[in-house]
Amino acid sequence: RETLENCGRKREDVTLIAVSKTKPVEMVREAYDCGIRDFGENKVKEML
């Protein structure tokens, strides 16, 4: 938010992707409970 404000950009114009590769489901759920909805995975098998 600070960086975007200094650039004159809006927060809603940027998507924060939480990269959850190698992290357990419990940690992903914790981020979800904080409001994150976009998650990034490197491996197909892990995502599935």
ModelCIF file with pLDDT and N, C-alpha, C, O atoms, coordinates in Angstrom:
data_MODEL
#
_entry.id   MODEL 
#
_entity.id                         1 
_entity.type                       polymer 
_entity.pdbx_number_of_molecules   1 
#
_entity_poly.entity_id                      1 
_entity_poly.type                           'polypeptide(L)' 
_entity_poly.nstd_linkage                   no 
_entity_poly.nstd_monomer                   no 
_entity_poly.pdbx_seq_one_letter_code       RETLENCGRKREDVTLIAVSKTKPVEMVREAYDCGIRDFGENKVKEML 
_entity_poly.pdbx_seq_one_letter_code_can   RETLENCGRKREDVTLIAVSKTKPVEMVREAYDCGIRDFGENKVKEML 
_entity_poly.pdbx_strand_id                 A 
#
loop_
_entity_poly_seq.entity_id 
_entity_poly_seq.num 
_entity_poly_seq.mon_id 
_entity_poly_seq.hetero 
1 1  ARG n 
1 2  GLU n 
1 3  THR n 
1 4  LEU n 
1 5  GLU n 
1 6  ASN n 
1 7  CYS n 
1 8  GLY n 
1 9  ARG n 
1 10 LYS n 
1 11 ARG n 
1 12 GLU n 
1 13 ASP n 
1 14 VAL n 
1 15 THR n 
1 16 LEU n 
1 17 ILE n 
1 18 ALA n 
1 19 VAL n 
1 20 SER n 
1 21 LYS n 
1 22 THR n 
1 23 LYS n 
1 24 PRO n 
1 25 VAL n 
1 26 GLU n 
1 27 MET n 
1 28 VAL n 
1 29 ARG n 
1 30 GLU n 
1 31 ALA n 
1 32 TYR n 
1 33 ASP n 
1 34 CYS n 
1 35 GLY n 
1 36 ILE n 
1 37 ARG n 
1 38 ASP n 
1 39 PHE n 
1 40 GLY n 
1 41 GLU n 
1 42 ASN n 
1 43 LYS n 
1 44 VAL n 
1 45 LYS n 
1 46 GLU n 
1 47 MET n 
1 48 LEU n 
#
_struct_asym.id          A 
_struct_asym.entity_id   1 
#
loop_
_ma_qa_metric.id 
_ma_qa_metric.mode 
_ma_qa_metric.name 
_ma_qa_metric.software_group_id 
_ma_qa_metric.type 
1 global pLDDT . pLDDT 
2 local  pLDDT . pLDDT 
#
_ma_qa_metric_global.metric_id      1 
_ma_qa_metric_global.metric_value   96.48 
_ma_qa_metric_global.model_id       1 
_ma_qa_metric_global.ordinal_id     1 
#
loop_
_ma_qa_metric_local.label_asym_id 
_ma_qa_metric_local.label_comp_id 
_ma_qa_metric_local.label_seq_id 
_ma_qa_metric_local.metric_id 
_ma_qa_metric_local.metric_value 
_ma_qa_metric_local.model_id 
_ma_qa_metric_local.ordinal_id 
A ARG 1  2 98.00 1 1  
A GLU 2  2 98.00 1 2  
A THR 3  2 98.00 1 3  
A LEU 4  2 98.00 1 4  
A GLU 5  2 97.00 1 5  
A ASN 6  2 97.00 1 6  
A CYS 7  2 95.00 1 7  
A GLY 8  2 96.00 1 8  
A ARG 9  2 97.00 1 9  
A LYS 10 2 97.00 1 10 
A ARG 11 2 96.00 1 11 
A GLU 12 2 96.00 1 12 
A ASP 13 2 95.00 1 13 
A VAL 14 2 98.00 1 14 
A THR 15 2 98.00 1 15 
A LEU 16 2 98.00 1 16 
A ILE 17 2 98.00 1 17 
A ALA 18 2 98.00 1 18 
A VAL 19 2 97.00 1 19 
A SER 20 2 95.00 1 20 
A LYS 21 2 92.00 1 21 
A THR 22 2 91.00 1 22 
A LYS 23 2 94.00 1 23 
A PRO 24 2 94.00 1 24 
A VAL 25 2 96.00 1 25 
A GLU 26 2 96.00 1 26 
A MET 27 2 96.00 1 27 
A VAL 28 2 97.00 1 28 
A ARG 29 2 97.00 1 29 
A GLU 30 2 97.00 1 30 
A ALA 31 2 97.00 1 31 
A TYR 32 2 97.00 1 32 
A ASP 33 2 97.00 1 33 
A CYS 34 2 96.00 1 34 
A GLY 35 2 96.00 1 35 
A ILE 36 2 97.00 1 36 
A ARG 37 2 98.00 1 37 
A ASP 38 2 98.00 1 38 
A PHE 39 2 98.00 1 39 
A GLY 40 2 98.00 1 40 
A GLU 41 2 97.00 1 41 
A ASN 42 2 95.00 1 42 
A LYS 43 2 96.00 1 43 
A VAL 44 2 96.00 1 44 
A LYS 45 2 96.00 1 45 
A GLU 46 2 96.00 1 46 
A MET 47 2 97.00 1 47 
A LEU 48 2 96.00 1 48 
#
loop_
_atom_site.group_PDB 
_atom_site.id 
_atom_site.type_symbol 
_atom_site.label_atom_id 
_atom_site.label_alt_id 
_atom_site.label_comp_id 
_atom_site.label_asym_id 
_atom_site.label_entity_id 
_atom_site.label_seq_id 
_atom_site.pdbx_PDB_ins_code 
_atom_site.Cartn_x 
_atom_site.Cartn_y 
_atom_site.Cartn_z 
_atom_site.occupancy 
_atom_site.B_iso_or_equiv 
_atom_site.pdbx_formal_charge 
_atom_site.auth_seq_id 
_atom_site.auth_comp_id 
_atom_site.auth_asym_id 
_atom_site.auth_atom_id 
_atom_site.pdbx_PDB_model_num 
ATOM 1   N N  . ARG A 1 1  ? 0.820  -1.207  0.000   1.00 98.00 ? 1  ARG A N  1 
ATOM 2   C CA . ARG A 1 1  ? 0.000  0.000   0.000   1.00 98.00 ? 1  ARG A CA 1 
ATOM 3   C C  . ARG A 1 1  ? 0.857  1.260   0.000   1.00 98.00 ? 1  ARG A C  1 
ATOM 4   O O  . ARG A 1 1  ? 0.561  2.222   -0.709  1.00 98.00 ? 1  ARG A O  1 
ATOM 5   N N  . GLU A 1 2  ? 1.919  1.247   0.800   1.00 98.00 ? 2  GLU A N  1 
ATOM 6   C CA . GLU A 1 2  ? 2.809  2.415   0.858   1.00 98.00 ? 2  GLU A CA 1 
ATOM 7   C C  . GLU A 1 2  ? 3.473  2.666   -0.494  1.00 98.00 ? 2  GLU A C  1 
ATOM 8   O O  . GLU A 1 2  ? 3.550  3.804   -0.956  1.00 98.00 ? 2  GLU A O  1 
ATOM 9   N N  . THR A 1 3  ? 3.953  1.584   -1.124  1.00 98.00 ? 3  THR A N  1 
ATOM 10  C CA . THR A 1 3  ? 4.622  1.715   -2.418  1.00 98.00 ? 3  THR A CA 1 
ATOM 11  C C  . THR A 1 3  ? 3.668  2.240   -3.485  1.00 98.00 ? 3  THR A C  1 
ATOM 12  O O  . THR A 1 3  ? 4.017  3.132   -4.259  1.00 98.00 ? 3  THR A O  1 
ATOM 13  N N  . LEU A 1 4  ? 2.466  1.682   -3.519  1.00 98.00 ? 4  LEU A N  1 
ATOM 14  C CA . LEU A 1 4  ? 1.496  2.112   -4.523  1.00 98.00 ? 4  LEU A CA 1 
ATOM 15  C C  . LEU A 1 4  ? 1.056  3.555   -4.307  1.00 98.00 ? 4  LEU A C  1 
ATOM 16  O O  . LEU A 1 4  ? 0.880  4.311   -5.262  1.00 98.00 ? 4  LEU A O  1 
ATOM 17  N N  . GLU A 1 5  ? 0.883  3.925   -3.052  1.00 97.00 ? 5  GLU A N  1 
ATOM 18  C CA . GLU A 1 5  ? 0.491  5.303   -2.754  1.00 97.00 ? 5  GLU A CA 1 
ATOM 19  C C  . GLU A 1 5  ? 1.558  6.276   -3.238  1.00 97.00 ? 5  GLU A C  1 
ATOM 20  O O  . GLU A 1 5  ? 1.244  7.332   -3.787  1.00 97.00 ? 5  GLU A O  1 
ATOM 21  N N  . ASN A 1 6  ? 2.818  5.915   -3.030  1.00 97.00 ? 6  ASN A N  1 
ATOM 22  C CA . ASN A 1 6  ? 3.925  6.774   -3.465  1.00 97.00 ? 6  ASN A CA 1 
ATOM 23  C C  . ASN A 1 6  ? 4.014  6.859   -4.986  1.00 97.00 ? 6  ASN A C  1 
ATOM 24  O O  . ASN A 1 6  ? 4.545  7.823   -5.537  1.00 97.00 ? 6  ASN A O  1 
ATOM 25  N N  . CYS A 1 7  ? 3.475  5.818   -5.666  1.00 95.00 ? 7  CYS A N  1 
ATOM 26  C CA . CYS A 1 7  ? 3.491  5.792   -7.135  1.00 95.00 ? 7  CYS A CA 1 
ATOM 27  C C  . CYS A 1 7  ? 2.236  6.404   -7.741  1.00 95.00 ? 7  CYS A C  1 
ATOM 28  O O  . CYS A 1 7  ? 2.143  6.572   -8.957  1.00 95.00 ? 7  CYS A O  1 
ATOM 29  N N  . GLY A 1 8  ? 1.269  6.737   -6.886  1.00 96.00 ? 8  GLY A N  1 
ATOM 30  C CA . GLY A 1 8  ? 0.005  7.246   -7.401  1.00 96.00 ? 8  GLY A CA 1 
ATOM 31  C C  . GLY A 1 8  ? -0.858 6.164   -7.999  1.00 96.00 ? 8  GLY A C  1 
ATOM 32  O O  . GLY A 1 8  ? -1.688 6.439   -8.866  1.00 96.00 ? 8  GLY A O  1 
ATOM 33  N N  . ARG A 1 9  ? -0.676 4.922   -7.546  1.00 97.00 ? 9  ARG A N  1 
ATOM 34  C CA . ARG A 1 9  ? -1.463 3.798   -8.051  1.00 97.00 ? 9  ARG A CA 1 
ATOM 35  C C  . ARG A 1 9  ? -2.462 3.340   -7.001  1.00 97.00 ? 9  ARG A C  1 
ATOM 36  O O  . ARG A 1 9  ? -2.312 3.631   -5.814  1.00 97.00 ? 9  ARG A O  1 
ATOM 37  N N  . LYS A 1 10 ? -3.496 2.611   -7.456  1.00 97.00 ? 10 LYS A N  1 
ATOM 38  C CA . LYS A 1 10 ? -4.541 2.134   -6.551  1.00 97.00 ? 10 LYS A CA 1 
ATOM 39  C C  . LYS A 1 10 ? -4.274 0.693   -6.125  1.00 97.00 ? 10 LYS A C  1 
ATOM 40  O O  . LYS A 1 10 ? -3.778 -0.117  -6.907  1.00 97.00 ? 10 LYS A O  1 
ATOM 41  N N  . ARG A 1 11 ? -4.611 0.388   -4.871  1.00 96.00 ? 11 ARG A N  1 
ATOM 42  C CA . ARG A 1 11 ? -4.394 -0.959  -4.354  1.00 96.00 ? 11 ARG A CA 1 
ATOM 43  C C  . ARG A 1 11 ? -5.188 -1.993  -5.143  1.00 96.00 ? 11 ARG A C  1 
ATOM 44  O O  . ARG A 1 11 ? -4.709 -3.108  -5.351  1.00 96.00 ? 11 ARG A O  1 
ATOM 45  N N  . GLU A 1 12 ? -6.387 -1.642  -5.582  1.00 96.00 ? 12 GLU A N  1 
ATOM 46  C CA . GLU A 1 12 ? -7.223 -2.619  -6.280  1.00 96.00 ? 12 GLU A CA 1 
ATOM 47  C C  . GLU A 1 12 ? -6.688 -2.976  -7.666  1.00 96.00 ? 12 GLU A C  1 
ATOM 48  O O  . GLU A 1 12 ? -7.192 -3.902  -8.302  1.00 96.00 ? 12 GLU A O  1 
ATOM 49  N N  . ASP A 1 13 ? -5.678 -2.255  -8.136  1.00 95.00 ? 13 ASP A N  1 
ATOM 50  C CA . ASP A 1 13 ? -5.098 -2.551  -9.446  1.00 95.00 ? 13 ASP A CA 1 
ATOM 51  C C  . ASP A 1 13 ? -4.019 -3.627  -9.384  1.00 95.00 ? 13 ASP A C  1 
ATOM 52  O O  . ASP A 1 13 ? -3.476 -4.023  -10.416 1.00 95.00 ? 13 ASP A O  1 
ATOM 53  N N  . VAL A 1 14 ? -3.705 -4.100  -8.177  1.00 98.00 ? 14 VAL A N  1 
ATOM 54  C CA . VAL A 1 14 ? -2.626 -5.079  -8.007  1.00 98.00 ? 14 VAL A CA 1 
ATOM 55  C C  . VAL A 1 14 ? -3.142 -6.324  -7.290  1.00 98.00 ? 14 VAL A C  1 
ATOM 56  O O  . VAL A 1 14 ? -3.854 -6.224  -6.291  1.00 98.00 ? 14 VAL A O  1 
ATOM 57  N N  . THR A 1 15 ? -2.779 -7.492  -7.806  1.00 98.00 ? 15 THR A N  1 
ATOM 58  C CA . THR A 1 15 ? -3.130 -8.762  -7.178  1.00 98.00 ? 15 THR A CA 1 
ATOM 59  C C  . THR A 1 15 ? -1.918 -9.309  -6.438  1.00 98.00 ? 15 THR A C  1 
ATOM 60  O O  . THR A 1 15 ? -0.853 -9.499  -7.024  1.00 98.00 ? 15 THR A O  1 
ATOM 61  N N  . LEU A 1 16 ? -2.089 -9.559  -5.156  1.00 98.00 ? 16 LEU A N  1 
ATOM 62  C CA . LEU A 1 16 ? -1.048 -10.196 -4.351  1.00 98.00 ? 16 LEU A CA 1 
ATOM 63  C C  . LEU A 1 16 ? -1.282 -11.702 -4.392  1.00 98.00 ? 16 LEU A C  1 
ATOM 64  O O  . LEU A 1 16 ? -2.297 -12.196 -3.900  1.00 98.00 ? 16 LEU A O  1 
ATOM 65  N N  . ILE A 1 17 ? -0.341 -12.418 -4.979  1.00 98.00 ? 17 ILE A N  1 
ATOM 66  C CA . ILE A 1 17 ? -0.433 -13.876 -5.062  1.00 98.00 ? 17 ILE A CA 1 
ATOM 67  C C  . ILE A 1 17 ? 0.462  -14.482 -3.990  1.00 98.00 ? 17 ILE A C  1 
ATOM 68  O O  . ILE A 1 17 ? 1.673  -14.266 -3.988  1.00 98.00 ? 17 ILE A O  1 
ATOM 69  N N  . ALA A 1 18 ? -0.137 -15.235 -3.088  1.00 98.00 ? 18 ALA A N  1 
ATOM 70  C CA . ALA A 1 18 ? 0.624  -15.922 -2.042  1.00 98.00 ? 18 ALA A CA 1 
ATOM 71  C C  . ALA A 1 18 ? 1.177  -17.223 -2.622  1.00 98.00 ? 18 ALA A C  1 
ATOM 72  O O  . ALA A 1 18 ? 0.424  -18.138 -2.953  1.00 98.00 ? 18 ALA A O  1 
ATOM 73  N N  . VAL A 1 19 ? 2.484  -17.287 -2.737  1.00 97.00 ? 19 VAL A N  1 
ATOM 74  C CA . VAL A 1 19 ? 3.116  -18.470 -3.334  1.00 97.00 ? 19 VAL A CA 1 
ATOM 75  C C  . VAL A 1 19 ? 3.228  -19.554 -2.269  1.00 97.00 ? 19 VAL A C  1 
ATOM 76  O O  . VAL A 1 19 ? 4.048  -19.468 -1.355  1.00 97.00 ? 19 VAL A O  1 
ATOM 77  N N  . SER A 1 20 ? 2.394  -20.566 -2.407  1.00 95.00 ? 20 SER A N  1 
ATOM 78  C CA . SER A 1 20 ? 2.246  -21.584 -1.360  1.00 95.00 ? 20 SER A CA 1 
ATOM 79  C C  . SER A 1 20 ? 2.991  -22.874 -1.663  1.00 95.00 ? 20 SER A C  1 
ATOM 80  O O  . SER A 1 20 ? 2.764  -23.890 -1.005  1.00 95.00 ? 20 SER A O  1 
ATOM 81  N N  . LYS A 1 21 ? 3.875  -22.844 -2.648  1.00 92.00 ? 21 LYS A N  1 
ATOM 82  C CA . LYS A 1 21 ? 4.616  -24.069 -2.998  1.00 92.00 ? 21 LYS A CA 1 
ATOM 83  C C  . LYS A 1 21 ? 5.383  -24.596 -1.786  1.00 92.00 ? 21 LYS A C  1 
ATOM 84  O O  . LYS A 1 21 ? 5.991  -23.834 -1.035  1.00 92.00 ? 21 LYS A O  1 
ATOM 85  N N  . THR A 1 22 ? 5.338  -25.900 -1.618  1.00 91.00 ? 22 THR A N  1 
ATOM 86  C CA . THR A 1 22 ? 5.995  -26.655 -0.538  1.00 91.00 ? 22 THR A CA 1 
ATOM 87  C C  . THR A 1 22 ? 5.382  -26.405 0.836   1.00 91.00 ? 22 THR A C  1 
ATOM 88  O O  . THR A 1 22 ? 5.796  -27.032 1.811   1.00 91.00 ? 22 THR A O  1 
ATOM 89  N N  . LYS A 1 23 ? 4.417  -25.516 0.934   1.00 94.00 ? 23 LYS A N  1 
ATOM 90  C CA . LYS A 1 23 ? 3.826  -25.203 2.235   1.00 94.00 ? 23 LYS A CA 1 
ATOM 91  C C  . LYS A 1 23 ? 2.599  -26.086 2.492   1.00 94.00 ? 23 LYS A C  1 
ATOM 92  O O  . LYS A 1 23 ? 1.852  -26.393 1.563   1.00 94.00 ? 23 LYS A O  1 
ATOM 93  N N  . PRO A 1 24 ? 2.391  -26.492 3.737   1.00 94.00 ? 24 PRO A N  1 
ATOM 94  C CA . PRO A 1 24 ? 1.272  -27.377 4.062   1.00 94.00 ? 24 PRO A CA 1 
ATOM 95  C C  . PRO A 1 24 ? -0.075 -26.679 3.935   1.00 94.00 ? 24 PRO A C  1 
ATOM 96  O O  . PRO A 1 24 ? -0.166 -25.451 3.957   1.00 94.00 ? 24 PRO A O  1 
ATOM 97  N N  . VAL A 1 25 ? -1.110 -27.487 3.804   1.00 96.00 ? 25 VAL A N  1 
ATOM 98  C CA . VAL A 1 25 ? -2.470 -26.980 3.664   1.00 96.00 ? 25 VAL A CA 1 
ATOM 99  C C  . VAL A 1 25 ? -2.844 -26.066 4.834   1.00 96.00 ? 25 VAL A C  1 
ATOM 100 O O  . VAL A 1 25 ? -3.564 -25.084 4.652   1.00 96.00 ? 25 VAL A O  1 
ATOM 101 N N  . GLU A 1 26 ? -2.360 -26.388 6.018   1.00 96.00 ? 26 GLU A N  1 
ATOM 102 C CA . GLU A 1 26 ? -2.696 -25.594 7.207   1.00 96.00 ? 26 GLU A CA 1 
ATOM 103 C C  . GLU A 1 26 ? -2.224 -24.147 7.060   1.00 96.00 ? 26 GLU A C  1 
ATOM 104 O O  . GLU A 1 26 ? -2.921 -23.222 7.475   1.00 96.00 ? 26 GLU A O  1 
ATOM 105 N N  . MET A 1 27 ? -1.048 -23.951 6.475   1.00 96.00 ? 27 MET A N  1 
ATOM 106 C CA . MET A 1 27 ? -0.544 -22.592 6.297   1.00 96.00 ? 27 MET A CA 1 
ATOM 107 C C  . MET A 1 27 ? -1.320 -21.856 5.205   1.00 96.00 ? 27 MET A C  1 
ATOM 108 O O  . MET A 1 27 ? -1.558 -20.652 5.303   1.00 96.00 ? 27 MET A O  1 
ATOM 109 N N  . VAL A 1 28 ? -1.706 -22.582 4.183   1.00 97.00 ? 28 VAL A N  1 
ATOM 110 C CA . VAL A 1 28 ? -2.521 -21.977 3.128   1.00 97.00 ? 28 VAL A CA 1 
ATOM 111 C C  . VAL A 1 28 ? -3.854 -21.526 3.713   1.00 97.00 ? 28 VAL A C  1 
ATOM 112 O O  . VAL A 1 28 ? -4.338 -20.434 3.414   1.00 97.00 ? 28 VAL A O  1 
ATOM 113 N N  . ARG A 1 29 ? -4.434 -22.370 4.541   1.00 97.00 ? 29 ARG A N  1 
ATOM 114 C CA . ARG A 1 29 ? -5.712 -22.026 5.173   1.00 97.00 ? 29 ARG A CA 1 
ATOM 115 C C  . ARG A 1 29 ? -5.562 -20.806 6.088   1.00 97.00 ? 29 ARG A C  1 
ATOM 116 O O  . ARG A 1 29 ? -6.471 -19.981 6.182   1.00 97.00 ? 29 ARG A O  1 
ATOM 117 N N  . GLU A 1 30 ? -4.429 -20.699 6.751   1.00 97.00 ? 30 GLU A N  1 
ATOM 118 C CA . GLU A 1 30 ? -4.191 -19.543 7.617   1.00 97.00 ? 30 GLU A CA 1 
ATOM 119 C C  . GLU A 1 30 ? -4.169 -18.255 6.800   1.00 97.00 ? 30 GLU A C  1 
ATOM 120 O O  . GLU A 1 30 ? -4.739 -17.242 7.207   1.00 97.00 ? 30 GLU A O  1 
ATOM 121 N N  . ALA A 1 31 ? -3.511 -18.301 5.648   1.00 97.00 ? 31 ALA A N  1 
ATOM 122 C CA . ALA A 1 31 ? -3.489 -17.126 4.764   1.00 97.00 ? 31 ALA A CA 1 
ATOM 123 C C  . ALA A 1 31 ? -4.885 -16.843 4.225   1.00 97.00 ? 31 ALA A C  1 
ATOM 124 O O  . ALA A 1 31 ? -5.290 -15.686 4.111   1.00 97.00 ? 31 ALA A O  1 
ATOM 125 N N  . TYR A 1 32 ? -5.617 -17.900 3.895   1.00 97.00 ? 32 TYR A N  1 
ATOM 126 C CA . TYR A 1 32 ? -7.001 -17.747 3.429   1.00 97.00 ? 32 TYR A CA 1 
ATOM 127 C C  . TYR A 1 32 ? -7.841 -17.040 4.487   1.00 97.00 ? 32 TYR A C  1 
ATOM 128 O O  . TYR A 1 32 ? -8.623 -16.143 4.172   1.00 97.00 ? 32 TYR A O  1 
ATOM 129 N N  . ASP A 1 33 ? -7.674 -17.447 5.737   1.00 97.00 ? 33 ASP A N  1 
ATOM 130 C CA . ASP A 1 33 ? -8.445 -16.852 6.825   1.00 97.00 ? 33 ASP A CA 1 
ATOM 131 C C  . ASP A 1 33 ? -8.087 -15.375 7.035   1.00 97.00 ? 33 ASP A C  1 
ATOM 132 O O  . ASP A 1 33 ? -8.840 -14.627 7.659   1.00 97.00 ? 33 ASP A O  1 
ATOM 133 N N  . CYS A 1 34 ? -6.936 -14.973 6.507   1.00 96.00 ? 34 CYS A N  1 
ATOM 134 C CA . CYS A 1 34 ? -6.538 -13.562 6.587   1.00 96.00 ? 34 CYS A CA 1 
ATOM 135 C C  . CYS A 1 34 ? -7.072 -12.758 5.398   1.00 96.00 ? 34 CYS A C  1 
ATOM 136 O O  . CYS A 1 34 ? -6.847 -11.552 5.301   1.00 96.00 ? 34 CYS A O  1 
ATOM 137 N N  . GLY A 1 35 ? -7.778 -13.441 4.500   1.00 96.00 ? 35 GLY A N  1 
ATOM 138 C CA . GLY A 1 35 ? -8.391 -12.741 3.380   1.00 96.00 ? 35 GLY A CA 1 
ATOM 139 C C  . GLY A 1 35 ? -7.763 -12.992 2.025   1.00 96.00 ? 35 GLY A C  1 
ATOM 140 O O  . GLY A 1 35 ? -8.272 -12.504 1.016   1.00 96.00 ? 35 GLY A O  1 
ATOM 141 N N  . ILE A 1 36 ? -6.661 -13.745 1.974   1.00 97.00 ? 36 ILE A N  1 
ATOM 142 C CA . ILE A 1 36 ? -6.025 -14.033 0.695   1.00 97.00 ? 36 ILE A CA 1 
ATOM 143 C C  . ILE A 1 36 ? -6.857 -15.051 -0.082  1.00 97.00 ? 36 ILE A C  1 
ATOM 144 O O  . ILE A 1 36 ? -7.317 -16.049 0.473   1.00 97.00 ? 36 ILE A O  1 
ATOM 145 N N  . ARG A 1 37 ? -7.042 -14.781 -1.372  1.00 98.00 ? 37 ARG A N  1 
ATOM 146 C CA . ARG A 1 37 ? -7.778 -15.709 -2.224  1.00 98.00 ? 37 ARG A CA 1 
ATOM 147 C C  . ARG A 1 37 ? -6.953 -16.187 -3.418  1.00 98.00 ? 37 ARG A C  1 
ATOM 148 O O  . ARG A 1 37 ? -7.308 -17.178 -4.057  1.00 98.00 ? 37 ARG A O  1 
ATOM 149 N N  . ASP A 1 38 ? -5.868 -15.501 -3.721  1.00 98.00 ? 38 ASP A N  1 
ATOM 150 C CA . ASP A 1 38 ? -5.021 -15.874 -4.861  1.00 98.00 ? 38 ASP A CA 1 
ATOM 151 C C  . ASP A 1 38 ? -3.762 -16.575 -4.367  1.00 98.00 ? 38 ASP A C  1 
ATOM 152 O O  . ASP A 1 38 ? -2.974 -16.009 -3.610  1.00 98.00 ? 38 ASP A O  1 
ATOM 153 N N  . PHE A 1 39 ? -3.587 -17.823 -4.812  1.00 98.00 ? 39 PHE A N  1 
ATOM 154 C CA . PHE A 1 39 ? -2.438 -18.629 -4.402  1.00 98.00 ? 39 PHE A CA 1 
ATOM 155 C C  . PHE A 1 39 ? -1.708 -19.156 -5.631  1.00 98.00 ? 39 PHE A C  1 
ATOM 156 O O  . PHE A 1 39 ? -2.332 -19.530 -6.624  1.00 98.00 ? 39 PHE A O  1 
ATOM 157 N N  . GLY A 1 40 ? -0.392 -19.182 -5.555  1.00 98.00 ? 40 GLY A N  1 
ATOM 158 C CA . GLY A 1 40 ? 0.429  -19.647 -6.670  1.00 98.00 ? 40 GLY A CA 1 
ATOM 159 C C  . GLY A 1 40 ? 1.161  -20.928 -6.347  1.00 98.00 ? 40 GLY A C  1 
ATOM 160 O O  . GLY A 1 40 ? 1.743  -21.070 -5.272  1.00 98.00 ? 40 GLY A O  1 
ATOM 161 N N  . GLU A 1 41 ? 1.128  -21.865 -7.288  1.00 97.00 ? 41 GLU A N  1 
ATOM 162 C CA . GLU A 1 41 ? 1.834  -23.136 -7.128  1.00 97.00 ? 41 GLU A CA 1 
ATOM 163 C C  . GLU A 1 41 ? 2.763  -23.374 -8.320  1.00 97.00 ? 41 GLU A C  1 
ATOM 164 O O  . GLU A 1 41 ? 2.472  -22.983 -9.451  1.00 97.00 ? 41 GLU A O  1 
ATOM 165 N N  . ASN A 1 42 ? 3.889  -24.026 -8.028  1.00 95.00 ? 42 ASN A N  1 
ATOM 166 C CA . ASN A 1 42 ? 4.871  -24.321 -9.071  1.00 95.00 ? 42 ASN A CA 1 
ATOM 167 C C  . ASN A 1 42 ? 4.662  -25.681 -9.716  1.00 95.00 ? 42 ASN A C  1 
ATOM 168 O O  . ASN A 1 42 ? 4.990  -25.874 -10.887 1.00 95.00 ? 42 ASN A O  1 
ATOM 169 N N  . LYS A 1 43 ? 4.119  -26.622 -8.956  1.00 96.00 ? 43 LYS A N  1 
ATOM 170 C CA . LYS A 1 43 ? 3.996  -27.990 -9.443  1.00 96.00 ? 43 LYS A CA 1 
ATOM 171 C C  . LYS A 1 43 ? 2.521  -28.393 -9.537  1.00 96.00 ? 43 LYS A C  1 
ATOM 172 O O  . LYS A 1 43 ? 1.735  -28.160 -8.619  1.00 96.00 ? 43 LYS A O  1 
ATOM 173 N N  . VAL A 1 44 ? 2.176  -28.992 -10.654 1.00 96.00 ? 44 VAL A N  1 
ATOM 174 C CA . VAL A 1 44 ? 0.788  -29.396 -10.901 1.00 96.00 ? 44 VAL A CA 1 
ATOM 175 C C  . VAL A 1 44 ? 0.310  -30.375 -9.840  1.00 96.00 ? 44 VAL A C  1 
ATOM 176 O O  . VAL A 1 44 ? -0.784 -30.220 -9.298  1.00 96.00 ? 44 VAL A O  1 
ATOM 177 N N  . LYS A 1 45 ? 1.126  -31.386 -9.539  1.00 96.00 ? 45 LYS A N  1 
ATOM 178 C CA . LYS A 1 45 ? 0.729  -32.416 -8.584  1.00 96.00 ? 45 LYS A CA 1 
ATOM 179 C C  . LYS A 1 45 ? 0.420  -31.820 -7.217  1.00 96.00 ? 45 LYS A C  1 
ATOM 180 O O  . LYS A 1 45 ? -0.554 -32.203 -6.569  1.00 96.00 ? 45 LYS A O  1 
ATOM 181 N N  . GLU A 1 46 ? 1.251  -30.884 -6.786  1.00 96.00 ? 46 GLU A N  1 
ATOM 182 C CA . GLU A 1 46 ? 1.046  -30.270 -5.466  1.00 96.00 ? 46 GLU A CA 1 
ATOM 183 C C  . GLU A 1 46 ? -0.239 -29.446 -5.442  1.00 96.00 ? 46 GLU A C  1 
ATOM 184 O O  . GLU A 1 46 ? -0.991 -29.484 -4.467  1.00 96.00 ? 46 GLU A O  1 
ATOM 185 N N  . MET A 1 47 ? -0.483 -28.709 -6.513  1.00 97.00 ? 47 MET A N  1 
ATOM 186 C CA . MET A 1 47 ? -1.703 -27.906 -6.582  1.00 97.00 ? 47 MET A CA 1 
ATOM 187 C C  . MET A 1 47 ? -2.947 -28.799 -6.557  1.00 97.00 ? 47 MET A C  1 
ATOM 188 O O  . MET A 1 47 ? -3.914 -28.506 -5.854  1.00 97.00 ? 47 MET A O  1 
ATOM 189 N N  . LEU A 1 48 ? -2.914 -29.885 -7.326  1.00 96.00 ? 48 LEU A N  1 
ATOM 190 C CA . LEU A 1 48 ? -4.064 -30.775 -7.392  1.00 96.00 ? 48 LEU A CA 1 
ATOM 191 C C  . LEU A 1 48 ? -4.298 -31.504 -6.078  1.00 96.00 ? 48 LEU A C  1 
ATOM 192 O O  . LEU A 1 48 ? -5.235 -32.296 -5.970  1.00 96.00 ? 48 LEU A O  1 
#
